[in-house]
Amino acid sequence: MARYSIEFLPKSLMRRVRVDVVIPSLGLQETIANTDENYYQNSDKKYPLLIVLHGFGEDAKSWQNST
């Protein structure tokens, strides 16, 4: 699994906002057998998208801490 954190400053909110993106990984056997370093770019497999929003007074960790 890969996790990326991106911070930016939207003019509409006038404060820094962080977005976490989590990309699923292959299973253990698939990872061992995989030799294609562009697996995700070349794959036709579709992954579901889950967008989780928190309240204005919370941060990106609130979902992780509450579940």
Protein backbone atom coordinates (compact mmCIF):
# COMPACT_ATOMS: atom_id res chain seq x y z
CA MET A 1 0.00 0.00 0.00
CA ALA A 2 1.25 3.46 -0.83
CA ARG A 3 0.15 6.58 1.02
CA TYR A 4 0.71 10.11 -0.21
CA SER A 5 0.00 13.32 1.70
CA ILE A 6 -0.54 16.53 -0.25
CA GLU A 7 -0.85 19.97 1.36
CA PHE A 8 -2.20 23.04 -0.41
CA LEU A 9 -3.75 26.43 0.38
CA PRO A 10 -7.16 26.91 -1.26
CA LYS A 11 -8.20 30.57 -1.48
CA SER A 12 -11.80 29.68 -0.58
CA LEU A 13 -10.82 28.26 2.85
CA MET A 14 -7.85 30.56 3.50
CA ARG A 15 -6.04 27.83 5.44
CA ARG A 16 -3.76 24.90 4.67
CA VAL A 17 -5.52 21.68 3.74
CA ARG A 18 -4.01 18.20 3.66
CA VAL A 19 -5.29 15.40 1.44
CA ASP A 20 -4.25 11.78 2.00
CA VAL A 21 -4.30 9.41 -0.97
CA VAL A 22 -4.03 5.66 -0.33
CA ILE A 23 -3.30 3.34 -3.25
CA PRO A 24 -4.04 -0.37 -2.68
CA SER A 25 -1.24 -2.87 -3.11
CA LEU A 26 -1.17 -6.28 -4.68
CA GLY A 27 -1.47 -9.37 -2.52
CA LEU A 28 1.75 -10.98 -1.29
CA GLN A 29 1.93 -13.66 -4.01
CA GLU A 30 1.11 -11.13 -6.75
CA THR A 31 3.78 -8.75 -5.44
CA ILE A 32 6.44 -11.49 -5.48
CA ALA A 33 5.48 -12.59 -9.01
CA ASN A 34 5.09 -9.05 -10.42
CA THR A 35 7.92 -7.89 -12.70
CA ASP A 36 6.07 -4.96 -14.30
CA GLU A 37 7.11 -1.70 -12.63
CA ASN A 38 4.21 0.05 -14.42
CA TYR A 39 1.63 -2.47 -13.15
CA TYR A 40 -1.06 0.05 -12.21
CA GLN A 41 -0.63 2.12 -15.39
CA ASN A 42 -0.84 -0.98 -17.60
CA SER A 43 -3.61 -2.74 -15.67
CA ASP A 44 -7.27 -2.74 -16.71
CA LYS A 45 -8.30 -3.55 -13.15
CA LYS A 46 -10.62 -0.97 -11.56
CA TYR A 47 -10.44 0.08 -7.92
CA PRO A 48 -13.28 1.67 -5.93
CA LEU A 49 -12.91 5.29 -4.85
CA LEU A 50 -13.77 6.29 -1.30
CA ILE A 51 -13.80 9.98 -0.40
CA VAL A 52 -13.96 10.67 3.33
CA LEU A 53 -14.62 14.23 4.50
CA HIS A 54 -14.22 15.60 8.02
CA GLY A 55 -15.62 18.69 9.72
CA PHE A 56 -14.03 22.14 9.44
CA GLY A 57 -12.54 22.00 12.94
CA GLU A 58 -10.98 18.56 12.45
CA ASP A 59 -8.05 17.35 10.38
CA ALA A 60 -7.25 14.41 8.13
CA LYS A 61 -6.39 12.20 11.14
CA SER A 62 -9.89 12.42 12.64
CA TRP A 63 -11.22 9.53 10.52
CA GLN A 64 -8.24 7.36 11.37
CA ASN A 65 -8.59 8.13 15.08
CA SER A 66 -12.36 7.55 15.16
CA THR A 67 -12.55 4.24 13.28
